[in-house]
Amino acid sequence: MASSASSTPPPRPNLTFRQLRGQRSPGEFAAAVRRAAREIGERVSCDARYVGRVEAGEIRCPNYAYERVFLHMFPGRTLTDLGFAPRAVVRGRGARGAMDARGADPTYRDDGSGARYTGDRPTENTGDPGGNIGTGADDSDSASASASASDPSDPSDHEESDVRRRAFMTSGTVTVAAASLGAVGLPAGGVAAARVPRGRGFRRAGESEVCAVEDAVREIRLLDDRHGADGLYRRAANPLRTAYALLDAGTTRRAGRRVADRLYSGAGELAISVGWLAHDSGRFDDARSHYAEALATARLANDPALEAHAFCNTAFLARDTGRPREAVRAAQAAARIARNLASPRFLSLLALREAGGWAGLGDHAGCRQALVRAHALFDRGPADTDPEWMTFYGPAELAGLEAQCWSALGQWDRASRHAQRAAGTAAALTPEFTRNIALYTAELADDLARAGRPDEAADAGLRVLALLDEVQSSRIACMLATTARLLLPHRLASGVTDFLEQHAARARV
């Protein structure tokens, strides 16, 4: 492996693609890619890490789904105009020759069971060689990817792998792919299933399993952005158990330290994502446990970015569960860790978490100071070093979290102005974040009701009800129920009557 790696030329950065991104952060550009995909009926799980891999030259040519999206975003250009290598070069004779050479490697063997083994990962010989579930990839591309048996040392294989990137969930059902988390002999079922004895047939985690954990994190976040947490939490807990079973088993010798570190970070981020689903669906004890698990994982791995993220979510949870002083301390701890991460936007979010704690304590001065700090840091703009999970944090989230601060301080008119700005900005700039649009609008309805503006509150409440077929969030449902109670004294007003009747009808379903 050492000799072959040393003879492989390093990837050439895609400077053209970087120029096309312009002033947008990788996360913001990834969100634009996902929006463009929806416009043409594609489904891609693009995130900041994928954008970074393209710009670093690790992805020489995108798969067919991404190709259609990129050509839609930049009409009149070809793949080579976007800085990619021609597909014939990546998928042509040279690539096939490399595959044939790898085929002689004993790690690429056939044991007669009908499964092809590529290192630690079996791939079933089925009618769909790519196992593509909702990836939007062409069969020819996925078949080629399946045959190539991804080798991380081969730059021709750094293309987005349709075998490895199987959908985590589709049509509301968890489908943890057998070629990813389940491939190492760990069923994706409950705790007992995750505790597999370490016999001769037990395989340790390699690159493909680590990528599967990372993809699970991204899929959970994308689905939560669109649909909220209630329908996802219990299903997402199984991959989390599997990820921690992988941690317990360790990684293969050939995987290296970097892959092991990624496994720890991926498992920790998955714990935070599942914790957030518990948080948003009102399972606060479960959320606290998951955040603590992520914090412990971060400290074991000496991962400051993961540790700061865990403290950030712990601060949010503490605020929501009536422990404002803990919220302040957790946010301040996260900020101390995050100062070395070179991400002003992350520090801005942490200042808002601290502001929420001060507001819960009724400390107007402390809240204002933290808000001023949050705005100043936000105005420095996005950076390439922003964590990829922060794609949700833009002008809308800034306004929404500030609205919650003024609401906690009882300044309803001021809170409603910020909530209105948050809902309008989210609808205009990030329409894919359906859950956040519903959340900001529910906050607006509550603030307007408390400010003595029942007709406007009812109108906002009706807009939230219209989104609840798509969004399942106990947090939003509780806010709307509170608004309904506040509007009961005004139930004879026409707009209020419509809202109360529709709210009651939905509650009976």
Protein backbone atom coordinates (compact mmCIF):
# COMPACT_ATOMS: atom_id res chain seq x y z
CA MET A 1 0.00 0.00 0.00
CA ALA A 2 2.80 2.42 0.79
CA SER A 3 4.48 2.01 -2.58
CA SER A 4 1.29 2.39 -4.58
CA ALA A 5 0.26 5.42 -2.58
CA SER A 6 3.59 7.11 -3.16
CA SER A 7 3.28 6.68 -6.94
CA THR A 8 -0.19 8.20 -7.09
CA PRO A 9 -0.17 11.88 -8.02
CA PRO A 10 -2.00 14.17 -5.57
CA PRO A 11 -5.41 15.46 -6.67
CA ARG A 12 -5.39 18.75 -8.57
CA PRO A 13 -7.58 21.45 -6.95
CA ASN A 14 -10.62 22.50 -8.98
CA LEU A 15 -10.03 26.26 -8.97
CA THR A 16 -12.75 26.88 -11.55
CA PHE A 17 -15.41 25.40 -9.30
CA ARG A 18 -14.08 27.42 -6.37
CA GLN A 19 -14.47 30.61 -8.40
CA LEU A 20 -18.05 29.69 -9.27
CA ARG A 21 -18.85 29.42 -5.55
CA GLY A 22 -17.86 33.06 -5.16
CA GLN A 23 -18.46 34.65 -1.76
CA ARG A 24 -20.81 31.93 -0.55
CA SER A 25 -19.57 29.58 2.16
CA PRO A 26 -19.36 25.85 1.31
CA GLY A 27 -22.51 25.28 3.36
CA GLU A 28 -24.42 28.03 1.59
CA PHE A 29 -23.32 26.76 -1.81
CA ALA A 30 -24.35 23.22 -0.83
CA ALA A 31 -27.82 24.53 0.07
CA ALA A 32 -28.02 26.18 -3.38
CA VAL A 33 -27.10 22.85 -4.99
CA ARG A 34 -29.88 21.07 -3.10
CA ARG A 35 -32.40 23.74 -4.14
CA ALA A 36 -31.33 23.41 -7.78
CA ALA A 37 -31.70 19.64 -7.54
CA ARG A 38 -35.30 19.96 -6.35
CA GLU A 39 -36.06 22.29 -9.25
CA ILE A 40 -35.30 19.50 -11.73
CA GLY A 41 -36.60 16.60 -9.65
CA GLU A 42 -33.23 15.27 -8.49
CA ARG A 43 -32.29 14.29 -4.95
CA VAL A 44 -28.70 14.89 -3.82
CA SER A 45 -27.34 15.09 -0.28
CA CYS A 46 -24.86 17.85 -1.01
CA ASP A 47 -23.16 19.42 1.99
CA ALA A 48 -20.09 21.50 2.80
CA ARG A 49 -17.83 18.45 2.88
CA TYR A 50 -18.85 17.42 -0.64
CA VAL A 51 -18.18 20.95 -1.92
CA GLY A 52 -14.77 20.85 -0.24
CA ARG A 53 -13.93 17.53 -1.87
CA VAL A 54 -14.85 18.90 -5.29
CA GLU A 55 -12.73 22.01 -4.80
CA ALA A 56 -9.81 19.94 -3.50
CA GLY A 57 -9.93 17.86 -6.68
CA GLU A 58 -10.84 14.65 -4.85
CA ILE A 59 -13.95 14.32 -7.04
CA ARG A 60 -12.60 14.43 -10.57
CA CYS A 61 -16.02 13.96 -12.17
CA PRO A 62 -19.43 14.02 -10.42
CA ASN A 63 -21.98 11.25 -10.77
CA TYR A 64 -24.81 11.73 -13.23
CA ALA A 65 -27.25 13.19 -10.70
CA TYR A 66 -24.79 15.89 -9.65
CA GLU A 67 -23.87 16.48 -13.30
CA ARG A 68 -27.50 17.29 -14.15
CA VAL A 69 -27.76 19.62 -11.16
CA PHE A 70 -24.51 21.48 -11.92
CA LEU A 71 -25.42 21.92 -15.59
CA HIS A 72 -28.83 23.26 -14.49
CA MET A 73 -27.15 25.73 -12.13
CA PHE A 74 -24.67 26.90 -14.78
CA PRO A 75 -26.53 26.68 -18.12
CA GLY A 76 -24.48 26.66 -21.28
CA ARG A 77 -21.42 25.14 -19.58
CA THR A 78 -20.01 21.64 -19.82
CA LEU A 79 -18.40 19.57 -17.07
CA THR A 80 -14.96 20.60 -18.29
CA ASP A 81 -16.09 24.24 -18.14
CA LEU A 82 -16.79 23.61 -14.45
CA GLY A 83 -13.27 22.29 -13.90
CA PHE A 84 -14.05 18.57 -13.96
CA ALA A 85 -12.22 15.89 -15.92
CA PRO A 86 -14.11 14.36 -18.87
CA ARG A 87 -16.11 11.33 -17.82
CA ALA A 88 -14.34 9.24 -20.46
CA VAL A 89 -11.06 9.84 -18.63
CA VAL A 90 -12.43 8.84 -15.24
CA ARG A 91 -14.55 5.95 -16.48
CA GLY A 92 -12.55 4.95 -19.56
CA ARG A 93 -9.84 2.44 -20.33
CA GLY A 94 -7.40 3.88 -17.80
CA ALA A 95 -9.89 3.54 -14.98
CA ARG A 96 -10.80 0.00 -16.04
CA GLY A 97 -7.13 -0.93 -16.16
CA ALA A 98 -6.71 0.25 -12.60
CA MET A 99 -9.74 -1.83 -11.62
CA ASP A 100 -8.27 -4.92 -13.24
CA ALA A 101 -5.03 -4.38 -11.34
CA ARG A 102 -6.90 -4.07 -8.06
CA GLY A 103 -8.85 -7.20 -8.88
CA ALA A 104 -5.69 -9.23 -8.31
CA ASP A 105 -5.44 -7.96 -4.74
CA PRO A 106 -6.39 -10.72 -2.24
CA THR A 107 -8.65 -8.27 -0.43
CA TYR A 108 -10.89 -8.27 -3.56
CA ARG A 109 -12.02 -11.84 -3.46
CA ASP A 110 -15.07 -13.98 -4.05
CA ASP A 111 -15.83 -16.50 -1.35
CA GLY A 112 -18.46 -18.27 -3.41
CA SER A 113 -21.38 -16.81 -1.49
CA GLY A 114 -22.44 -14.41 -4.21
CA ALA A 115 -21.01 -11.39 -2.41
CA ARG A 116 -18.00 -9.48 -3.65
CA TYR A 117 -15.66 -8.45 -0.85
CA THR A 118 -13.77 -5.18 -1.11
CA GLY A 119 -11.63 -5.01 1.97
CA ASP A 120 -14.13 -5.06 4.85
CA ARG A 121 -17.27 -4.40 2.84
CA PRO A 122 -19.44 -7.06 1.16
CA THR A 123 -21.61 -5.97 -1.76
CA GLU A 124 -24.50 -8.20 -2.72
CA ASN A 125 -24.67 -9.40 -6.32
CA THR A 126 -28.21 -8.24 -6.94
CA GLY A 127 -30.03 -6.93 -9.92
CA ASP A 128 -29.20 -3.40 -8.80
CA PRO A 129 -25.41 -3.41 -8.44
CA GLY A 130 -25.34 0.10 -7.10
CA GLY A 131 -28.06 -0.41 -4.52
CA ASN A 132 -29.29 3.08 -5.38
CA ILE A 133 -32.21 4.09 -3.23
CA GLY A 134 -33.26 7.59 -4.08
CA THR A 135 -29.80 8.78 -5.12
CA GLY A 136 -30.80 9.77 -8.61
CA ALA A 137 -27.78 8.00 -10.08
CA ASP A 138 -27.79 6.31 -13.45
CA ASP A 139 -27.54 2.53 -13.52
CA SER A 140 -24.45 2.63 -15.73
CA ASP A 141 -22.62 4.92 -13.34
CA SER A 142 -23.57 2.96 -10.24
CA ALA A 143 -22.64 -0.35 -11.86
CA SER A 144 -19.23 1.04 -12.69
CA ALA A 145 -18.83 2.34 -9.16
CA SER A 146 -19.81 -1.05 -7.78
CA ALA A 147 -17.29 -2.83 -9.96
CA SER A 148 -14.53 -0.42 -9.06
CA ALA A 149 -14.51 -1.49 -5.40
CA SER A 150 -13.48 1.92 -4.07
CA ASP A 151 -9.81 2.32 -3.27
CA PRO A 152 -9.11 5.53 -1.34
CA SER A 153 -5.57 5.71 -2.73
CA ASP A 154 -6.83 5.88 -6.34
CA PRO A 155 -7.81 9.40 -7.43
CA SER A 156 -10.03 8.02 -10.19
CA ASP A 157 -12.15 6.50 -7.45
CA HIS A 158 -12.72 9.68 -5.46
CA GLU A 159 -15.91 10.31 -7.42
CA GLU A 160 -19.07 10.36 -5.35
CA SER A 161 -19.60 6.62 -4.83
CA ASP A 162 -23.15 5.53 -5.53
CA VAL A 163 -22.49 2.22 -3.81
CA ARG A 164 -21.36 3.81 -0.55
CA ARG A 165 -23.83 6.70 -0.52
CA ARG A 166 -27.05 4.74 -0.25
CA ALA A 167 -29.99 6.62 1.17
CA PHE A 168 -30.28 6.44 4.97
CA MET A 169 -34.05 6.87 4.91
CA THR A 170 -36.58 6.79 2.11
CA SER A 171 -40.35 7.04 2.12
CA GLY A 172 -40.37 7.43 5.89
CA THR A 173 -38.60 4.10 6.49
CA VAL A 174 -35.12 3.63 7.86
CA THR A 175 -33.08 1.61 5.35
CA VAL A 176 -29.63 1.38 6.85
CA ALA A 177 -27.90 -0.16 3.86
CA ALA A 178 -26.38 -3.60 4.23
CA ALA A 179 -23.35 -2.33 2.34
CA SER A 180 -22.72 0.38 4.93
CA LEU A 181 -23.48 0.07 8.66
CA GLY A 182 -24.74 -3.49 8.44
CA ALA A 183 -21.83 -4.69 6.38
CA VAL A 184 -19.54 -5.37 9.32
CA GLY A 185 -21.88 -7.91 10.82
CA LEU A 186 -23.81 -5.46 12.98
CA PRO A 187 -27.54 -5.55 12.30
CA ALA A 188 -29.20 -2.17 12.47
CA GLY A 189 -31.68 -3.39 15.06
CA GLY A 190 -31.86 -2.74 18.79
CA VAL A 191 -29.26 -2.78 21.55
CA ALA A 192 -29.00 -6.53 21.63
CA ALA A 193 -28.42 -6.62 17.89
CA ALA A 194 -25.67 -4.04 18.20
CA ARG A 195 -23.76 -6.07 20.78
CA VAL A 196 -22.35 -8.65 18.43
CA PRO A 197 -19.72 -11.07 19.77
CA ARG A 198 -16.26 -10.54 18.34
CA GLY A 199 -15.84 -13.87 16.63
CA ARG A 200 -13.75 -14.70 13.59
CA GLY A 201 -16.50 -13.43 11.28
CA PHE A 202 -16.63 -9.99 12.91
CA ARG A 203 -15.11 -7.26 10.78
CA ARG A 204 -13.77 -3.96 12.07
CA ALA A 205 -14.74 -0.64 10.54
CA GLY A 206 -13.02 0.71 7.46
CA GLU A 207 -13.44 3.68 5.15
CA SER A 208 -16.85 2.58 3.84
CA GLU A 209 -18.36 2.15 7.32
CA VAL A 210 -17.03 5.53 8.45
CA CYS A 211 -18.52 7.15 5.34
CA ALA A 212 -21.84 5.44 6.12
CA VAL A 213 -21.86 6.95 9.62
CA GLU A 214 -21.10 10.40 8.19
CA ASP A 215 -23.81 10.01 5.54
CA ALA A 216 -26.31 9.00 8.24
CA VAL A 217 -25.63 12.29 10.04
CA ARG A 218 -26.25 14.29 6.85
CA GLU A 219 -29.43 12.44 5.96
CA ILE A 220 -30.88 12.94 9.45
CA ARG A 221 -30.17 16.67 9.26
CA LEU A 222 -31.70 17.01 5.81
CA LEU A 223 -34.84 15.11 6.82
CA ASP A 224 -35.17 17.11 10.04
CA ASP A 225 -34.87 20.37 8.09
CA ARG A 226 -37.81 19.31 5.95
CA HIS A 227 -40.03 17.28 8.25
CA GLY A 228 -39.16 17.88 11.90
CA ALA A 229 -38.12 15.39 14.55
CA ASP A 230 -41.18 13.46 15.70
CA GLY A 231 -41.20 10.87 12.94
CA LEU A 232 -37.43 10.39 12.91
CA TYR A 233 -36.20 9.99 16.48
CA ARG A 234 -36.87 6.34 17.24
CA ARG A 235 -35.75 5.19 13.80
CA ALA A 236 -32.52 7.21 13.98
CA ALA A 237 -31.56 5.68 17.34
CA ASN A 238 -30.69 2.32 15.74
CA PRO A 239 -27.89 3.64 13.49
CA LEU A 240 -26.51 5.48 16.53
CA ARG A 241 -26.22 2.23 18.46
CA THR A 242 -24.56 0.63 15.46
CA ALA A 243 -22.09 3.53 15.18
CA TYR A 244 -21.04 3.12 18.81
CA ALA A 245 -20.71 -0.64 18.31
CA LEU A 246 -18.29 0.20 15.49
CA LEU A 247 -16.36 2.41 17.89
CA ASP A 248 -16.14 -0.45 20.34
CA ALA A 249 -14.88 -2.80 17.63
CA GLY A 250 -12.27 -0.35 16.33
CA THR A 251 -11.02 0.19 12.82
CA THR A 252 -8.96 -2.02 10.52
CA ARG A 253 -5.18 -1.70 10.53
CA ARG A 254 -5.17 -0.50 6.94
CA ALA A 255 -7.70 2.24 7.74
CA GLY A 256 -5.18 4.38 9.63
CA ARG A 257 -5.47 6.95 12.39
CA ARG A 258 -7.32 9.50 10.25
CA VAL A 259 -10.18 7.07 9.57
CA ALA A 260 -10.35 6.17 13.27
CA ASP A 261 -10.59 9.87 14.18
CA ARG A 262 -13.35 10.32 11.61
CA LEU A 263 -15.25 7.41 13.14
CA TYR A 264 -15.14 9.06 16.57
CA SER A 265 -16.20 12.42 15.16
CA GLY A 266 -18.94 10.83 13.04
CA ALA A 267 -20.34 8.85 15.97
CA GLY A 268 -20.28 11.97 18.16
CA GLU A 269 -22.03 14.07 15.51
CA LEU A 270 -24.59 11.30 15.08
CA ALA A 271 -25.21 11.35 18.85
CA ILE A 272 -25.80 15.12 18.68
CA SER A 273 -28.16 14.73 15.71
CA VAL A 274 -30.18 12.04 17.45
CA GLY A 275 -30.10 14.14 20.62
CA TRP A 276 -31.54 17.06 18.69
CA LEU A 277 -34.36 14.85 17.37
CA ALA A 278 -35.12 13.89 20.98
CA HIS A 279 -34.89 17.54 22.03
CA ASP A 280 -37.23 18.81 19.32
CA SER A 281 -39.75 16.04 19.98
CA GLY A 282 -39.93 16.81 23.71
CA ARG A 283 -37.85 13.86 24.97
CA PHE A 284 -35.59 16.06 27.06
CA ASP A 285 -34.01 13.34 29.24
CA ASP A 286 -33.06 11.36 26.15
CA ALA A 287 -31.62 14.49 24.54
CA ARG A 288 -29.50 15.25 27.61
CA SER A 289 -28.17 11.70 27.57
CA HIS A 290 -27.25 11.85 23.87
CA TYR A 291 -25.52 15.22 24.25
CA ALA A 292 -23.54 13.90 27.22
CA GLU A 293 -22.55 10.87 25.14
CA ALA A 294 -21.32 13.15 22.36
CA LEU A 295 -19.37 15.25 24.87
CA ALA A 296 -17.67 12.15 26.29
CA THR A 297 -16.82 10.95 22.78
CA ALA A 298 -15.33 14.35 21.92
CA ARG A 299 -13.08 14.29 24.98
CA LEU A 300 -11.94 10.73 24.31
CA ALA A 301 -11.03 11.71 20.76
CA ASN A 302 -9.59 15.11 21.71
CA ASP A 303 -11.94 16.71 19.17
CA PRO A 304 -12.55 20.39 20.11
CA ALA A 305 -15.03 21.01 17.27
CA LEU A 306 -17.22 18.13 18.43
CA GLU A 307 -16.89 19.18 22.08
CA ALA A 308 -17.95 22.75 21.28
CA HIS A 309 -20.92 21.46 19.27
CA ALA A 310 -22.03 19.24 22.16
CA PHE A 311 -21.82 22.15 24.63
CA CYS A 312 -23.72 24.35 22.15
CA ASN A 313 -26.66 21.93 22.05
CA THR A 314 -26.47 21.39 25.81
CA ALA A 315 -26.90 25.15 26.28
CA PHE A 316 -29.95 25.16 24.01
CA LEU A 317 -31.49 22.23 25.89
CA ALA A 318 -30.80 23.84 29.28
CA ARG A 319 -32.59 27.00 28.17
CA ASP A 320 -35.60 25.03 26.94
CA THR A 321 -35.86 23.00 30.16
CA GLY A 322 -35.80 25.94 32.56
CA ARG A 323 -32.11 25.87 33.54
CA PRO A 324 -30.97 29.26 32.21
CA ARG A 325 -27.84 29.52 34.33
CA GLU A 326 -26.63 26.19 32.98
CA ALA A 327 -27.39 27.50 29.49
CA VAL A 328 -25.10 30.48 30.07
CA ARG A 329 -22.27 28.35 31.46
CA ALA A 330 -22.51 25.74 28.68
CA ALA A 331 -22.52 28.42 25.97
CA GLN A 332 -19.51 30.13 27.54
CA ALA A 333 -17.67 26.78 27.75
CA ALA A 334 -18.39 26.14 24.09
CA ALA A 335 -17.14 29.61 23.15
CA ARG A 336 -13.86 29.07 25.01
CA ILE A 337 -13.27 25.87 23.04
CA ALA A 338 -14.45 27.33 19.72
CA ARG A 339 -12.14 30.37 19.78
CA ASN A 340 -9.43 28.31 18.08
CA LEU A 341 -11.74 27.01 15.34
CA ALA A 342 -11.60 30.22 13.24
CA SER A 343 -15.36 30.37 12.69
CA PRO A 344 -16.99 33.72 13.56
CA ARG A 345 -20.41 32.32 12.64
CA PHE A 346 -20.02 29.51 15.18
CA LEU A 347 -19.04 32.03 17.86
CA SER A 348 -22.03 34.13 16.84
CA LEU A 349 -24.38 31.19 17.39
CA LEU A 350 -22.79 30.52 20.79
CA ALA A 351 -23.31 34.17 21.75
CA LEU A 352 -27.00 33.71 20.93
CA ARG A 353 -27.13 30.59 23.09
CA GLU A 354 -25.65 32.65 25.92
CA ALA A 355 -28.14 35.46 25.26
CA GLY A 356 -30.99 32.97 25.59
CA GLY A 357 -29.69 31.95 29.01
CA TRP A 358 -29.40 35.56 30.19
CA ALA A 359 -32.94 36.22 28.94
CA GLY A 360 -34.20 33.23 30.93
CA LEU A 361 -32.56 34.74 34.02
CA GLY A 362 -34.28 38.06 33.32
CA ASP A 363 -30.92 39.77 32.88
CA HIS A 364 -31.61 42.46 30.25
CA ALA A 365 -28.07 43.83 30.25
CA GLY A 366 -26.40 40.42 29.90
CA CYS A 367 -28.80 39.48 27.11
CA ARG A 368 -28.18 42.73 25.17
CA GLN A 369 -24.41 42.39 25.46
CA ALA A 370 -24.52 38.85 24.13
CA LEU A 371 -26.83 39.90 21.27
CA VAL A 372 -24.49 42.73 20.27
CA ARG A 373 -21.62 40.24 20.24
CA ALA A 374 -23.68 37.77 18.16
CA HIS A 375 -24.46 40.39 15.50
CA ALA A 376 -20.87 41.64 15.32
CA LEU A 377 -19.54 38.12 14.83
CA PHE A 378 -22.26 37.25 12.31
CA ASP A 379 -21.40 40.35 10.26
CA ARG A 380 -17.87 39.03 9.69
CA GLY A 381 -19.48 36.64 7.22
CA PRO A 382 -19.14 32.93 6.52
CA ALA A 383 -15.79 31.15 6.40
CA ASP A 384 -14.47 27.95 4.89
CA THR A 385 -13.80 26.81 8.46
CA ASP A 386 -17.48 26.96 9.50
CA PRO A 387 -18.66 23.52 10.68
CA GLU A 388 -20.72 21.76 8.03
CA TRP A 389 -23.65 21.24 10.43
CA MET A 390 -24.12 25.03 10.61
CA THR A 391 -25.83 25.33 7.21
CA PHE A 392 -29.06 26.24 9.05
CA TYR A 393 -27.49 29.31 10.66
CA GLY A 394 -28.17 32.32 8.49
CA PRO A 395 -30.03 35.64 8.81
CA ALA A 396 -33.33 33.86 9.50
CA GLU A 397 -31.99 31.82 12.41
CA LEU A 398 -30.24 34.88 13.84
CA ALA A 399 -33.53 36.80 13.83
CA GLY A 400 -35.47 33.81 15.15
CA LEU A 401 -33.18 33.24 18.13
CA GLU A 402 -33.18 36.95 18.93
CA ALA A 403 -36.98 36.89 18.85
CA GLN A 404 -36.94 34.13 21.45
CA CYS A 405 -34.71 36.27 23.69
CA TRP A 406 -37.04 39.27 23.59
CA SER A 407 -40.02 36.98 24.12
CA ALA A 408 -38.41 35.53 27.26
CA LEU A 409 -37.89 39.11 28.47
CA GLY A 410 -41.58 39.91 27.88
CA GLN A 411 -40.98 42.42 25.07
CA TRP A 412 -43.65 41.02 22.78
CA ASP A 413 -43.76 43.69 20.09
CA ARG A 414 -40.01 43.61 19.68
CA ALA A 415 -40.06 39.82 19.64
CA SER A 416 -42.78 39.75 16.98
CA ARG A 417 -40.79 42.05 14.69
CA HIS A 418 -37.80 39.72 14.80
CA ALA A 419 -39.99 36.63 14.39
CA GLN A 420 -41.66 38.21 11.33
CA ARG A 421 -38.23 38.92 9.85
CA ALA A 422 -37.11 35.34 10.57
CA ALA A 423 -40.14 33.74 8.90
CA GLY A 424 -39.98 36.01 5.85
CA THR A 425 -36.24 35.58 5.37
CA ALA A 426 -36.41 31.80 5.74
CA ALA A 427 -39.22 31.50 3.20
CA ALA A 428 -37.27 33.62 0.70
CA LEU A 429 -33.74 32.27 1.16
CA THR A 430 -34.05 28.73 2.52
CA PRO A 431 -37.46 27.35 1.51
CA GLU A 432 -36.11 23.81 1.98
CA PHE A 433 -35.92 24.42 5.76
CA THR A 434 -39.65 23.81 6.15
CA ARG A 435 -39.39 22.99 9.83
CA ASN A 436 -37.64 26.28 10.60
CA ILE A 437 -40.20 28.29 8.63
CA ALA A 438 -42.95 26.64 10.70
CA LEU A 439 -41.00 27.30 13.92
CA TYR A 440 -40.44 31.00 13.22
CA THR A 441 -44.07 31.47 12.21
CA ALA A 442 -45.27 29.70 15.35
CA GLU A 443 -43.04 32.00 17.41
CA LEU A 444 -44.55 34.96 15.56
CA ALA A 445 -48.10 33.77 16.31
CA ASP A 446 -47.31 33.42 20.01
CA ASP A 447 -45.65 36.86 20.23
CA LEU A 448 -48.53 38.56 18.40
CA ALA A 449 -51.09 36.90 20.67
CA ARG A 450 -49.24 38.08 23.77
CA ALA A 451 -48.85 41.56 22.25
CA GLY A 452 -52.65 41.88 22.00
CA ARG A 453 -52.91 41.47 18.21
CA PRO A 454 -55.24 38.45 17.94
CA ASP A 455 -56.18 38.75 14.24
CA GLU A 456 -52.53 38.80 13.14
CA ALA A 457 -51.72 35.98 15.54
CA ALA A 458 -54.52 33.85 14.11
CA ASP A 459 -53.32 34.50 10.56
CA ALA A 460 -49.80 33.37 11.48
CA GLY A 461 -51.24 30.35 13.25
CA LEU A 462 -53.16 29.34 10.12
CA ARG A 463 -49.93 29.49 8.13
CA VAL A 464 -48.31 27.11 10.60
CA LEU A 465 -51.26 24.71 10.42
CA ALA A 466 -50.84 24.61 6.64
CA LEU A 467 -47.26 23.34 7.15
CA LEU A 468 -48.06 20.64 9.70
CA ASP A 469 -48.83 18.02 7.06
CA GLU A 470 -45.16 18.26 6.14
CA VAL A 471 -43.60 18.99 9.55
CA GLN A 472 -43.82 16.87 12.68
CA SER A 473 -42.39 18.68 15.70
CA SER A 474 -43.72 18.48 19.24
CA ARG A 475 -41.96 21.76 19.92
CA ILE A 476 -43.99 23.56 17.26
CA ALA A 477 -47.20 21.76 18.23
CA CYS A 478 -46.82 22.90 21.85
CA MET A 479 -46.20 26.50 20.78
CA LEU A 480 -49.31 26.44 18.62
CA ALA A 481 -51.40 24.97 21.44
CA THR A 482 -50.26 27.82 23.71
CA THR A 483 -51.26 30.35 21.04
CA ALA A 484 -54.68 28.73 20.78
CA ARG A 485 -55.19 29.11 24.54
CA LEU A 486 -54.12 32.75 24.42
CA LEU A 487 -56.63 33.44 21.62
CA LEU A 488 -59.61 31.80 23.30
CA PRO A 489 -60.87 35.12 24.78
CA HIS A 490 -60.97 36.48 21.20
CA ARG A 491 -62.69 33.46 19.67
CA LEU A 492 -65.59 35.49 18.24
CA ALA A 493 -63.32 37.37 15.82
CA SER A 494 -63.65 35.82 12.36
CA GLY A 495 -59.98 35.09 11.76
CA VAL A 496 -59.50 33.76 15.27
CA THR A 497 -62.54 31.48 14.88
CA ASP A 498 -61.08 29.90 11.75
CA PHE A 499 -57.76 29.27 13.45
CA LEU A 500 -59.28 27.78 16.60
CA GLU A 501 -61.59 25.50 14.61
CA GLN A 502 -58.81 24.22 12.38
CA HIS A 503 -56.49 23.76 15.34
CA ALA A 504 -59.14 21.82 17.25
CA ALA A 505 -59.91 19.67 14.21
CA ARG A 506 -56.24 18.76 13.81
CA ALA A 507 -55.95 17.93 17.51
CA ARG A 508 -58.84 15.45 17.14
CA VAL A 509 -57.19 13.59 14.26
